[in-house]
Amino acid sequence: MTNAGDFSQIGFAIGGGFFVGVLIGYALKKVLKLAAVIAGLFFASIVYLQYQQILNLNWNKLQVASQNTLSTLANAATRIPGFTNGDHAIDLVHLGIPLTGSMSMGFAIGFLKG
């Protein structure tokens, strides 16, 4: 027999997860938009200063430096504990499928509407 409390906990996990997912998705999209605008203005100002011959950039050296930085970040991201196949730190039984499923759906909707 199931208890009414079990259904309320599952309902709260689904509803709460969806609401939190919407908030996270909406906020993340707004932050990414702001970061894209700031980066775009920064690079536009660099190109303008180079066009006015106030600034001189070696674009080849900048490309090599950015590729090295991105490869270092990619290597560091693969070494995060809990995300490897041998490590069982992330277990779906403990995360709760109703919570994660509703949160991911809420995140997708919040990100699309943001």
PDB file of N, CA and C in Angstrom:
ATOM      1  N   MET A   1       0.837  -1.186   0.000  1.00  0.00           N
ATOM      2  CA  MET A   1       0.000   0.000   0.000  1.00  0.00           C
ATOM      3  C   MET A   1       0.872   1.237   0.000  1.00  0.00           C
ATOM      4  N   THR A   2       0.429   2.210  -0.733  1.00  0.00           N
ATOM      5  CA  THR A   2       1.171   3.466  -0.779  1.00  0.00           C
ATOM      6  C   THR A   2       0.519   4.467   0.145  1.00  0.00           C
ATOM      7  N   ASN A   3       1.291   5.322   0.639  1.00  0.00           N
ATOM      8  CA  ASN A   3       0.847   6.337   1.572  1.00  0.00           C
ATOM      9  C   ASN A   3       0.572   7.632   0.827  1.00  0.00           C
ATOM     10  N   ALA A   4      -0.347   8.444   1.295  1.00  0.00           N
ATOM     11  CA  ALA A   4      -0.632   9.728   0.647  1.00  0.00           C
ATOM     12  C   ALA A   4       0.562  10.659   0.736  1.00  0.00           C
ATOM     13  N   GLY A   5       1.382  10.471   1.739  1.00  0.00           N
ATOM     14  CA  GLY A   5       2.582  11.290   1.886  1.00  0.00           C
ATOM     15  C   GLY A   5       3.588  11.025   0.779  1.00  0.00           C
ATOM     16  N   ASP A   6       3.631   9.773   0.292  1.00  0.00           N
ATOM     17  CA  ASP A   6       4.538   9.441  -0.802  1.00  0.00           C
ATOM     18  C   ASP A   6       4.166  10.197  -2.070  1.00  0.00           C
ATOM     19  N   PHE A   7       2.864  10.262  -2.358  1.00  0.00           N
ATOM     20  CA  PHE A   7       2.413  10.986  -3.547  1.00  0.00           C
ATOM     21  C   PHE A   7       2.666  12.483  -3.418  1.00  0.00           C
ATOM     22  N   SER A   8       2.510  13.017  -2.220  1.00  0.00           N
ATOM     23  CA  SER A   8       2.753  14.454  -2.045  1.00  0.00           C
ATOM     24  C   SER A   8       4.240  14.772  -2.184  1.00  0.00           C
ATOM     25  N   GLN A   9       5.099  13.879  -1.708  1.00  0.00           N
ATOM     26  CA  GLN A   9       6.538  14.102  -1.860  1.00  0.00           C
ATOM     27  C   GLN A   9       6.945  14.044  -3.322  1.00  0.00           C
ATOM     28  N   ILE A  10       6.387  13.091  -4.060  1.00  0.00           N
ATOM     29  CA  ILE A  10       6.702  12.995  -5.487  1.00  0.00           C
ATOM     30  C   ILE A  10       6.172  14.219  -6.230  1.00  0.00           C
ATOM     31  N   GLY A  11       4.961  14.643  -5.880  1.00  0.00           N
ATOM     32  CA  GLY A  11       4.396  15.846  -6.506  1.00  0.00           C
ATOM     33  C   GLY A  11       5.207  17.086  -6.206  1.00  0.00           C
ATOM     34  N   PHE A  12       5.675  17.194  -4.956  1.00  0.00           N
ATOM     35  CA  PHE A  12       6.505  18.341  -4.596  1.00  0.00           C
ATOM     36  C   PHE A  12       7.843  18.292  -5.330  1.00  0.00           C
ATOM     37  N   ALA A  13       8.419  17.099  -5.488  1.00  0.00           N
ATOM     38  CA  ALA A  13       9.692  16.977  -6.204  1.00  0.00           C
ATOM     39  C   ALA A  13       9.521  17.354  -7.665  1.00  0.00           C
ATOM     40  N   ILE A  14       8.421  16.916  -8.270  1.00  0.00           N
ATOM     41  CA  ILE A  14       8.192  17.235  -9.679  1.00  0.00           C
ATOM     42  C   ILE A  14       7.913  18.721  -9.857  1.00  0.00           C
ATOM     43  N   GLY A  15       6.996  19.270  -9.066  1.00  0.00           N
ATOM     44  CA  GLY A  15       6.643  20.692  -9.196  1.00  0.00           C
ATOM     45  C   GLY A  15       7.783  21.615  -8.810  1.00  0.00           C
ATOM     46  N   GLY A  16       8.441  21.305  -7.696  1.00  0.00           N
ATOM     47  CA  GLY A  16       9.564  22.130  -7.252  1.00  0.00           C
ATOM     48  C   GLY A  16      10.738  22.064  -8.209  1.00  0.00           C
ATOM     49  N   GLY A  17      11.010  20.863  -8.706  1.00  0.00           N
ATOM     50  CA  GLY A  17      12.104  20.714  -9.663  1.00  0.00           C
ATOM     51  C   GLY A  17      11.845  21.468 -10.947  1.00  0.00           C
ATOM     52  N   PHE A  18      10.599  21.429 -11.416  1.00  0.00           N
ATOM     53  CA  PHE A  18      10.247  22.156 -12.635  1.00  0.00           C
ATOM     54  C   PHE A  18      10.413  23.658 -12.430  1.00  0.00           C
ATOM     55  N   PHE A  19       9.921  24.176 -11.315  1.00  0.00           N
ATOM     56  CA  PHE A  19      10.009  25.611 -11.038  1.00  0.00           C
ATOM     57  C   PHE A  19      11.460  26.064 -10.902  1.00  0.00           C
ATOM     58  N   VAL A  20      12.257  25.295 -10.179  1.00  0.00           N
ATOM     59  CA  VAL A  20      13.674  25.635 -10.021  1.00  0.00           C
ATOM     60  C   VAL A  20      14.393  25.543 -11.367  1.00  0.00           C
ATOM     61  N   GLY A  21      14.046  24.554 -12.171  1.00  0.00           N
ATOM     62  CA  GLY A  21      14.648  24.423 -13.496  1.00  0.00           C
ATOM     63  C   GLY A  21      14.337  25.597 -14.395  1.00  0.00           C
ATOM     64  N   VAL A  22      13.087  26.086 -14.349  1.00  0.00           N
ATOM     65  CA  VAL A  22      12.704  27.262 -15.144  1.00  0.00           C
ATOM     66  C   VAL A  22      13.520  28.474 -14.704  1.00  0.00           C
ATOM     67  N   LEU A  23      13.640  28.674 -13.400  1.00  0.00           N
ATOM     68  CA  LEU A  23      14.409  29.819 -12.895  1.00  0.00           C
ATOM     69  C   LEU A  23      15.885  29.741 -13.296  1.00  0.00           C
ATOM     70  N   ILE A  24      16.470  28.567 -13.176  1.00  0.00           N
ATOM     71  CA  ILE A  24      17.879  28.407 -13.538  1.00  0.00           C
ATOM     72  C   ILE A  24      18.084  28.618 -15.033  1.00  0.00           C
ATOM     73  N   GLY A  25      17.226  28.040 -15.852  1.00  0.00           N
ATOM     74  CA  GLY A  25      17.346  28.191 -17.301  1.00  0.00           C
ATOM     75  C   GLY A  25      17.185  29.638 -17.743  1.00  0.00           C
ATOM     76  N   TYR A  26      16.209  30.336 -17.178  1.00  0.00           N
ATOM     77  CA  TYR A  26      15.962  31.735 -17.524  1.00  0.00           C
ATOM     78  C   TYR A  26      17.160  32.605 -17.123  1.00  0.00           C
ATOM     79  N   ALA A  27      17.650  32.402 -15.896  1.00  0.00           N
ATOM     80  CA  ALA A  27      18.780  33.203 -15.417  1.00  0.00           C
ATOM     81  C   ALA A  27      20.044  32.921 -16.216  1.00  0.00           C
ATOM     82  N   LEU A  28      20.283  31.652 -16.535  1.00  0.00           N
ATOM     83  CA  LEU A  28      21.480  31.304 -17.294  1.00  0.00           C
ATOM     84  C   LEU A  28      21.466  31.924 -18.684  1.00  0.00           C
ATOM     85  N   LYS A  29      20.307  31.933 -19.326  1.00  0.00           N
ATOM     86  CA  LYS A  29      20.241  32.529 -20.659  1.00  0.00           C
ATOM     87  C   LYS A  29      20.491  34.035 -20.594  1.00  0.00           C
ATOM     88  N   LYS A  30      19.958  34.704 -19.575  1.00  0.00           N
ATOM     89  CA  LYS A  30      20.190  36.143 -19.434  1.00  0.00           C
ATOM     90  C   LYS A  30      21.674  36.434 -19.185  1.00  0.00           C
ATOM     91  N   VAL A  31      22.319  35.625 -18.364  1.00  0.00           N
ATOM     92  CA  VAL A  31      23.744  35.825 -18.088  1.00  0.00           C
ATOM     93  C   VAL A  31      24.570  35.583 -19.351  1.00  0.00           C
ATOM     94  N   LEU A  32      24.233  34.549 -20.107  1.00  0.00           N
ATOM     95  CA  LEU A  32      24.965  34.267 -21.347  1.00  0.00           C
ATOM     96  C   LEU A  32      24.783  35.373 -22.378  1.00  0.00           C
ATOM     97  N   LYS A  33      23.579  35.942 -22.448  1.00  0.00           N
ATOM     98  CA  LYS A  33      23.350  37.061 -23.371  1.00  0.00           C
ATOM     99  C   LYS A  33      24.191  38.268 -22.981  1.00  0.00           C
ATOM    100  N   LEU A  34      24.232  38.565 -21.690  1.00  0.00           N
ATOM    101  CA  LEU A  34      25.021  39.704 -21.222  1.00  0.00           C
ATOM    102  C   LEU A  34      26.507  39.478 -21.485  1.00  0.00           C
ATOM    103  N   ALA A  35      26.981  38.260 -21.239  1.00  0.00           N
ATOM    104  CA  ALA A  35      28.390  37.949 -21.491  1.00  0.00           C
ATOM    105  C   ALA A  35      28.713  38.051 -22.977  1.00  0.00           C
ATOM    106  N   ALA A  36      27.792  37.636 -23.842  1.00  0.00           N
ATOM    107  CA  ALA A  36      28.025  37.729 -25.283  1.00  0.00           C
ATOM    108  C   ALA A  36      28.087  39.181 -25.739  1.00  0.00           C
ATOM    109  N   VAL A  37      27.235  40.029 -25.182  1.00  0.00           N
ATOM    110  CA  VAL A  37      27.256  41.450 -25.537  1.00  0.00           C
ATOM    111  C   VAL A  37      28.567  42.087 -25.086  1.00  0.00           C
ATOM    112  N   ILE A  38      28.993  41.780 -23.872  1.00  0.00           N
ATOM    113  CA  ILE A  38      30.243  42.358 -23.357  1.00  0.00           C
ATOM    114  C   ILE A  38      31.435  41.891 -24.188  1.00  0.00           C
ATOM    115  N   ALA A  39      31.489  40.604 -24.509  1.00  0.00           N
ATOM    116  CA  ALA A  39      32.597  40.082 -25.321  1.00  0.00           C
ATOM    117  C   ALA A  39      32.572  40.686 -26.720  1.00  0.00           C
ATOM    118  N   GLY A  40      31.397  40.838 -27.299  1.00  0.00           N
ATOM    119  CA  GLY A  40      31.283  41.445 -28.624  1.00  0.00           C
ATOM    120  C   GLY A  40      31.752  42.890 -28.638  1.00  0.00           C
ATOM    121  N   LEU A  41      31.350  43.658 -27.631  1.00  0.00           N
ATOM    122  CA  LEU A  41      31.805  45.050 -27.544  1.00  0.00           C
ATOM    123  C   LEU A  41      33.312  45.132 -27.331  1.00  0.00           C
ATOM    124  N   PHE A  42      33.847  44.226 -26.529  1.00  0.00           N
ATOM    125  CA  PHE A  42      35.290  44.211 -26.297  1.00  0.00           C
ATOM    126  C   PHE A  42      36.052  43.956 -27.591  1.00  0.00           C
ATOM    127  N   PHE A  43      35.646  42.932 -28.337  1.00  0.00           N
ATOM    128  CA  PHE A  43      36.348  42.617 -29.586  1.00  0.00           C
ATOM    129  C   PHE A  43      36.111  43.683 -30.651  1.00  0.00           C
ATOM    130  N   ALA A  44      34.940  44.285 -30.670  1.00  0.00           N
ATOM    131  CA  ALA A  44      34.690  45.368 -31.619  1.00  0.00           C
ATOM    132  C   ALA A  44      35.577  46.566 -31.312  1.00  0.00           C
ATOM    133  N   SER A  45      35.761  46.861 -30.025  1.00  0.00           N
ATOM    134  CA  SER A  45      36.632  47.986 -29.672  1.00  0.00           C
ATOM    135  C   SER A  45      38.090  47.682 -30.020  1.00  0.00           C
ATOM    136  N   ILE A  46      38.529  46.446 -29.860  1.00  0.00           N
ATOM    137  CA  ILE A  46      39.894  46.080 -30.238  1.00  0.00           C
ATOM    138  C   ILE A  46      40.098  46.234 -31.742  1.00  0.00           C
ATOM    139  N   VAL A  47      39.129  45.761 -32.526  1.00  0.00           N
ATOM    140  CA  VAL A  47      39.240  45.881 -33.981  1.00  0.00           C
ATOM    141  C   VAL A  47      39.228  47.347 -34.403  1.00  0.00           C
ATOM    142  N   TYR A  48      38.406  48.159 -33.759  1.00  0.00           N
ATOM    143  CA  TYR A  48      38.354  49.584 -34.086  1.00  0.00           C
ATOM    144  C   TYR A  48      39.681  50.261 -33.750  1.00  0.00           C
ATOM    145  N   LEU A  49      40.244  49.947 -32.591  1.00  0.00           N
ATOM    146  CA  LEU A  49      41.528  50.542 -32.216  1.00  0.00           C
ATOM    147  C   LEU A  49      42.644  50.098 -33.151  1.00  0.00           C
ATOM    148  N   GLN A  50      42.572  48.871 -33.631  1.00  0.00           N
ATOM    149  CA  GLN A  50      43.572  48.431 -34.602  1.00  0.00           C
ATOM    150  C   GLN A  50      43.369  49.142 -35.940  1.00  0.00           C
ATOM    151  N   TYR A  51      42.118  49.347 -36.329  1.00  0.00           N
ATOM    152  CA  TYR A  51      41.829  50.053 -37.577  1.00  0.00           C
ATOM    153  C   TYR A  51      42.335  51.498 -37.516  1.00  0.00           C
ATOM    154  N   GLN A  52      42.231  52.114 -36.362  1.00  0.00           N
ATOM    155  CA  GLN A  52      42.713  53.489 -36.195  1.00  0.00           C
ATOM    156  C   GLN A  52      44.225  53.536 -35.959  1.00  0.00           C
ATOM    157  N   GLN A  53      44.888  52.405 -35.984  1.00  0.00           N
ATOM    158  CA  GLN A  53      46.321  52.247 -35.784  1.00  0.00           C
ATOM    159  C   GLN A  53      46.777  52.744 -34.413  1.00  0.00           C
ATOM    160  N   ILE A  54      45.900  52.635 -33.430  1.00  0.00           N
ATOM    161  CA  ILE A  54      46.239  52.935 -32.044  1.00  0.00           C
ATOM    162  C   ILE A  54      46.792  51.686 -31.375  1.00  0.00           C
ATOM    163  N   LEU A  55      46.308  50.549 -31.830  1.00  0.00           N
ATOM    164  CA  LEU A  55      46.680  49.272 -31.260  1.00  0.00           C
ATOM    165  C   LEU A  55      47.163  48.361 -32.385  1.00  0.00           C
ATOM    166  N   ASN A  56      48.181  47.568 -32.098  1.00  0.00           N
ATOM    167  CA  ASN A  56      48.689  46.626 -33.082  1.00  0.00           C
ATOM    168  C   ASN A  56      48.677  45.229 -32.457  1.00  0.00           C
ATOM    169  N   LEU A  57      47.905  44.330 -33.065  1.00  0.00           N
ATOM    170  CA  LEU A  57      47.784  42.975 -32.533  1.00  0.00           C
ATOM    171  C   LEU A  57      48.370  41.957 -33.493  1.00  0.00           C
ATOM    172  N   ASN A  58      49.016  40.965 -32.915  1.00  0.00           N
ATOM    173  CA  ASN A  58      49.482  39.825 -33.681  1.00  0.00           C
ATOM    174  C   ASN A  58      48.394  38.751 -33.562  1.00  0.00           C
ATOM    175  N   TRP A  59      47.514  38.659 -34.566  1.00  0.00           N
ATOM    176  CA  TRP A  59      46.360  37.775 -34.501  1.00  0.00           C
ATOM    177  C   TRP A  59      46.762  36.311 -34.477  1.00  0.00           C
ATOM    178  N   ASN A  60      47.871  35.957 -35.118  1.00  0.00           N
ATOM    179  CA  ASN A  60      48.337  34.568 -35.096  1.00  0.00           C
ATOM    180  C   ASN A  60      48.748  34.147 -33.689  1.00  0.00           C
ATOM    181  N   LYS A  61      49.451  35.023 -32.986  1.00  0.00           N
ATOM    182  CA  LYS A  61      49.860  34.726 -31.626  1.00  0.00           C
ATOM    183  C   LYS A  61      48.645  34.637 -30.698  1.00  0.00           C
ATOM    184  N   LEU A  62      47.660  35.486 -30.916  1.00  0.00           N
ATOM    185  CA  LEU A  62      46.422  35.461 -30.134  1.00  0.00           C
ATOM    186  C   LEU A  62      45.655  34.160 -30.365  1.00  0.00           C
ATOM    187  N   GLN A  63      45.657  33.677 -31.611  1.00  0.00           N
ATOM    188  CA  GLN A  63      44.966  32.425 -31.924  1.00  0.00           C
ATOM    189  C   GLN A  63      45.640  31.246 -31.236  1.00  0.00           C
ATOM    190  N   VAL A  64      46.957  31.203 -31.256  1.00  0.00           N
ATOM    191  CA  VAL A  64      47.690  30.116 -30.612  1.00  0.00           C
ATOM    192  C   VAL A  64      47.454  30.132 -29.107  1.00  0.00           C
ATOM    193  N   ALA A  65      47.465  31.316 -28.506  1.00  0.00           N
ATOM    194  CA  ALA A  65      47.241  31.423 -27.062  1.00  0.00           C
ATOM    195  C   ALA A  65      45.829  30.985 -26.687  1.00  0.00           C
ATOM    196  N   SER A  66      44.842  31.360 -27.493  1.00  0.00           N
ATOM    197  CA  SER A  66      43.469  30.969 -27.180  1.00  0.00           C
ATOM    198  C   SER A  66      43.261  29.474 -27.370  1.00  0.00           C
ATOM    199  N   GLN A  67      43.909  28.876 -28.371  1.00  0.00           N
ATOM    200  CA  GLN A  67      43.796  27.426 -28.564  1.00  0.00           C
ATOM    201  C   GLN A  67      44.427  26.671 -27.401  1.00  0.00           C
ATOM    202  N   ASN A  68      45.564  27.158 -26.915  1.00  0.00           N
ATOM    203  CA  ASN A  68      46.201  26.512 -25.762  1.00  0.00           C
ATOM    204  C   ASN A  68      45.328  26.622 -24.521  1.00  0.00           C
ATOM    205  N   THR A  69      44.708  27.764 -24.322  1.00  0.00           N
ATOM    206  CA  THR A  69      43.838  27.964 -23.165  1.00  0.00           C
ATOM    207  C   THR A  69      42.621  27.054 -23.239  1.00  0.00           C
ATOM    208  N   LEU A  70      42.009  26.958 -24.415  1.00  0.00           N
ATOM    209  CA  LEU A  70      40.836  26.099 -24.570  1.00  0.00           C
ATOM    210  C   LEU A  70      41.178  24.623 -24.383  1.00  0.00           C
ATOM    211  N   SER A  71      42.324  24.196 -24.867  1.00  0.00           N
ATOM    212  CA  SER A  71      42.706  22.798 -24.679  1.00  0.00           C
ATOM    213  C   SER A  71      43.002  22.508 -23.206  1.00  0.00           C
ATOM    214  N   THR A  72      43.589  23.466 -22.498  1.00  0.00           N
ATOM    215  CA  THR A  72      43.830  23.292 -21.065  1.00  0.00           C
ATOM    216  C   THR A  72      42.515  23.190 -20.305  1.00  0.00           C
ATOM    217  N   LEU A  73      41.540  24.034 -20.657  1.00  0.00           N
ATOM    218  CA  LEU A  73      40.232  23.975 -20.005  1.00  0.00           C
ATOM    219  C   LEU A  73      39.515  22.671 -20.312  1.00  0.00           C
ATOM    220  N   ALA A  74      39.625  22.196 -21.543  1.00  0.00           N
ATOM    221  CA  ALA A  74      38.987  20.932 -21.909  1.00  0.00           C
ATOM    222  C   ALA A  74      39.608  19.769 -21.145  1.00  0.00           C
ATOM    223  N   ASN A  75      40.923  19.771 -20.998  1.00  0.00           N
ATOM    224  CA  ASN A  75      41.591  18.713 -20.236  1.00  0.00           C
ATOM    225  C   ASN A  75      41.217  18.766 -18.758  1.00  0.00           C
ATOM    226  N   ALA A  76      41.085  19.978 -18.214  1.00  0.00           N
ATOM    227  CA  ALA A  76      40.710  20.116 -16.805  1.00  0.00           C
ATOM    228  C   ALA A  76      39.273  19.666 -16.584  1.00  0.00           C
ATOM    229  N   ALA A  77      38.407  19.913 -17.546  1.00  0.00           N
ATOM    230  CA  ALA A  77      37.001  19.527 -17.393  1.00  0.00           C
ATOM    231  C   ALA A  77      36.828  18.022 -17.419  1.00  0.00           C
ATOM    232  N   THR A  78      37.700  17.309 -18.103  1.00  0.00           N
ATOM    233  CA  THR A  78      37.584  15.849 -18.137  1.00  0.00           C
ATOM    234  C   THR A  78      38.079  15.210 -16.856  1.00  0.00           C
ATOM    235  N   ARG A  79      38.770  15.956 -16.027  1.00  0.00           N
ATOM    236  CA  ARG A  79      39.304  15.406 -14.780  1.00  0.00           C
ATOM    237  C   ARG A  79      38.480  15.786 -13.560  1.00  0.00           C
ATOM    238  N   ILE A  80      37.282  16.291 -13.746  1.00  0.00           N
ATOM    239  CA  ILE A  80      36.423  16.651 -12.620  1.00  0.00           C
ATOM    240  C   ILE A  80      35.951  15.364 -11.950  1.00  0.00           C
ATOM    241  N   PRO A  81      36.137  15.234 -10.629  1.00  0.00           N
ATOM    242  CA  PRO A  81      35.712  14.000  -9.970  1.00  0.00           C
ATOM    243  C   PRO A  81      34.193  13.842 -10.025  1.00  0.00           C
ATOM    244  N   GLY A  82      33.751  12.619 -10.217  1.00  0.00           N
ATOM    245  CA  GLY A  82      32.334  12.334 -10.253  1.00  0.00           C
ATOM    246  C   GLY A  82      31.769  12.228 -11.655  1.00  0.00           C
ATOM    247  N   PHE A  83      32.534  12.570 -12.672  1.00  0.00           N
ATOM    248  CA  PHE A  83      32.042  12.523 -14.038  1.00  0.00           C
ATOM    249  C   PHE A  83      32.747  11.483 -14.889  1.00  0.00           C
ATOM    250  N   THR A  84      33.567  10.659 -14.271  1.00  0.00           N
ATOM    251  CA  THR A  84      34.235   9.606 -15.020  1.00  0.00           C
ATOM    252  C   THR A  84      33.422   8.321 -14.914  1.00  0.00           C
ATOM    253  N   ASN A  85      33.696   7.387 -15.800  1.00  0.00           N
ATOM    254  CA  ASN A  85      32.947   6.140 -15.807  1.00  0.00           C
ATOM    255  C   ASN A  85      33.272   5.269 -14.594  1.00  0.00           C
ATOM    256  N   GLY A  86      34.495   5.298 -14.107  1.00  0.00           N
ATOM    257  CA  GLY A  86      34.882   4.463 -12.981  1.00  0.00           C
ATOM    258  C   GLY A  86      34.375   4.973 -11.652  1.00  0.00           C
ATOM    259  N   ASP A  87      34.039   6.237 -11.558  1.00  0.00           N
ATOM    260  CA  ASP A  87      33.590   6.837 -10.309  1.00  0.00           C
ATOM    261  C   ASP A  87      32.070   6.803 -10.257  1.00  0.00           C
ATOM    262  N   HIS A  88      31.521   6.298  -9.181  1.00  0.00           N
ATOM    263  CA  HIS A  88      30.065   6.196  -9.051  1.00  0.00           C
ATOM    264  C   HIS A  88      29.525   7.261  -8.108  1.00  0.00           C
ATOM    265  N   ALA A  89      30.089   8.461  -8.156  1.00  0.00           N
ATOM    266  CA  ALA A  89      29.628   9.533  -7.273  1.00  0.00           C
ATOM    267  C   ALA A  89      28.241  10.004  -7.671  1.00  0.00           C
ATOM    268  N   ILE A  90      27.913   9.949  -8.957  1.00  0.00           N
ATOM    269  CA  ILE A  90      26.593  10.368  -9.412  1.00  0.00           C
ATOM    270  C   ILE A  90      25.761   9.108  -9.602  1.00  0.00           C
ATOM    271  N   ASP A  91      24.751   8.969  -8.796  1.00  0.00           N
ATOM    272  CA  ASP A  91      23.899   7.792  -8.838  1.00  0.00           C
ATOM    273  C   ASP A  91      22.467   8.260  -9.027  1.00  0.00           C
ATOM    274  N   LEU A  92      21.805   7.784 -10.090  1.00  0.00           N
ATOM    275  CA  LEU A  92      20.450   8.243 -10.385  1.00  0.00           C
ATOM    276  C   LEU A  92      19.460   7.878  -9.290  1.00  0.00           C
ATOM    277  N   VAL A  93      19.753   6.845  -8.535  1.00  0.00           N
ATOM    278  CA  VAL A  93      18.845   6.461  -7.462  1.00  0.00           C
ATOM    279  C   VAL A  93      18.808   7.536  -6.389  1.00  0.00           C
ATOM    280  N   HIS A  94      19.946   8.150  -6.098  1.00  0.00           N
ATOM    281  CA  HIS A  94      19.992   9.167  -5.063  1.00  0.00           C
ATOM    282  C   HIS A  94      19.545  10.540  -5.555  1.00  0.00           C
ATOM    283  N   LEU A  95      19.674  10.798  -6.846  1.00  0.00           N
ATOM    284  CA  LEU A  95      19.239  12.096  -7.373  1.00  0.00           C
ATOM    285  C   LEU A  95      17.728  12.187  -7.471  1.00  0.00           C
ATOM    286  N   GLY A  96      17.069  11.131  -7.739  1.00  0.00           N
ATOM    287  CA  GLY A  96      15.619  11.142  -7.855  1.00  0.00           C
ATOM    288  C   GLY A  96      15.200  11.452  -9.274  1.00  0.00           C
ATOM    289  N   ILE A  97      14.711  10.455  -9.974  1.00  0.00           N
ATOM    290  CA  ILE A  97      14.331  10.627 -11.376  1.00  0.00           C
ATOM    291  C   ILE A  97      13.213  11.647 -11.548  1.00  0.00           C
ATOM    292  N   PRO A  98      12.169  11.678 -10.687  1.00  0.00           N
ATOM    293  CA  PRO A  98      11.138  12.716 -10.875  1.00  0.00           C
ATOM    294  C   PRO A  98      11.694  14.133 -10.739  1.00  0.00           C
ATOM    295  N   LEU A  99      12.607  14.321  -9.791  1.00  0.00           N
ATOM    296  CA  LEU A  99      13.176  15.651  -9.590  1.00  0.00           C
ATOM    297  C   LEU A  99      14.048  16.065 -10.765  1.00  0.00           C
ATOM    298  N   THR A 100      14.943  15.191 -11.197  1.00  0.00           N
ATOM    299  CA  THR A 100      15.851  15.561 -12.283  1.00  0.00           C
ATOM    300  C   THR A 100      15.126  15.673 -13.611  1.00  0.00           C
ATOM    301  N   GLY A 101      14.132  14.826 -13.834  1.00  0.00           N
ATOM    302  CA  GLY A 101      13.375  14.905 -15.088  1.00  0.00           C
ATOM    303  C   GLY A 101      12.589  16.196 -15.192  1.00  0.00           C
ATOM    304  N   SER A 102      11.908  16.566 -14.112  1.00  0.00           N
ATOM    305  CA  SER A 102      11.126  17.802 -14.152  1.00  0.00           C
ATOM    306  C   SER A 102      12.040  19.026 -14.170  1.00  0.00           C
ATOM    307  N   MET A 103      13.182  18.934 -13.493  1.00  0.00           N
ATOM    308  CA  MET A 103      14.112  20.064 -13.497  1.00  0.00           C
ATOM    309  C   MET A 103      14.709  20.276 -14.882  1.00  0.00           C
ATOM    310  N   SER A 104      15.022  19.193 -15.581  1.00  0.00           N
ATOM    311  CA  SER A 104      15.580  19.345 -16.922  1.00  0.00           C
ATOM    312  C   SER A 104      14.534  19.904 -17.886  1.00  0.00           C
ATOM    313  N   MET A 105      13.288  19.497 -17.741  1.00  0.00           N
ATOM    314  CA  MET A 105      12.230  20.049 -18.586  1.00  0.00           C
ATOM    315  C   MET A 105      12.016  21.531 -18.269  1.00  0.00           C
ATOM    316  N   GLY A 106      12.019  21.883 -17.002  1.00  0.00           N
ATOM    317  CA  GLY A 106      11.892  23.280 -16.618  1.00  0.00           C
ATOM    318  C   GLY A 106      13.068  24.110 -17.094  1.00  0.00           C
ATOM    319  N   PHE A 107      14.271  23.542 -17.011  1.00  0.00           N
ATOM    320  CA  PHE A 107      15.461  24.246 -17.498  1.00  0.00           C
ATOM    321  C   PHE A 107      15.346  24.535 -18.981  1.00  0.00           C
ATOM    322  N   ALA A 108      14.897  23.541 -19.748  1.00  0.00           N
ATOM    323  CA  ALA A 108      14.749  23.731 -21.202  1.00  0.00           C
ATOM    324  C   ALA A 108      13.730  24.817 -21.508  1.00  0.00           C
ATOM    325  N   ILE A 109      12.605  24.812 -20.825  1.00  0.00           N
ATOM    326  CA  ILE A 109      11.577  25.825 -21.066  1.00  0.00           C
ATOM    327  C   ILE A 109      12.066  27.199 -20.629  1.00  0.00           C
ATOM    328  N   GLY A 110      12.715  27.285 -19.459  1.00  0.00           N
ATOM    329  CA  GLY A 110      13.241  28.564 -19.002  1.00  0.00           C
ATOM    330  C   GLY A 110      14.316  29.115 -19.912  1.00  0.00           C
ATOM    331  N   PHE A 111      15.165  28.241 -20.452  1.00  0.00           N
ATOM    332  CA  PHE A 111      16.231  28.677 -21.342  1.00  0.00           C
ATOM    333  C   PHE A 111      15.644  29.162 -22.672  1.00  0.00           C
ATOM    334  N   LEU A 112      14.607  28.493 -23.144  1.00  0.00           N
ATOM    335  CA  LEU A 112      13.989  28.917 -24.409  1.00  0.00           C
ATOM    336  C   LEU A 112      13.229  30.231 -24.259  1.00  0.00           C
ATOM    337  N   LYS A 113      12.610  30.446 -23.109  1.00  0.00           N
ATOM    338  CA  LYS A 113      11.803  31.659 -22.910  1.00  0.00           C
ATOM    339  C   LYS A 113      12.644  32.839 -22.435  1.00  0.00           C
ATOM    340  N   GLY A 114      13.864  32.599 -21.997  1.00  0.00           N
ATOM    341  CA  GLY A 114      14.712  33.657 -21.423  1.00  0.00           C
ATOM    342  C   GLY A 114      15.227  34.617 -22.359  1.00  0.00           C
TER     343      GLY A 114
END
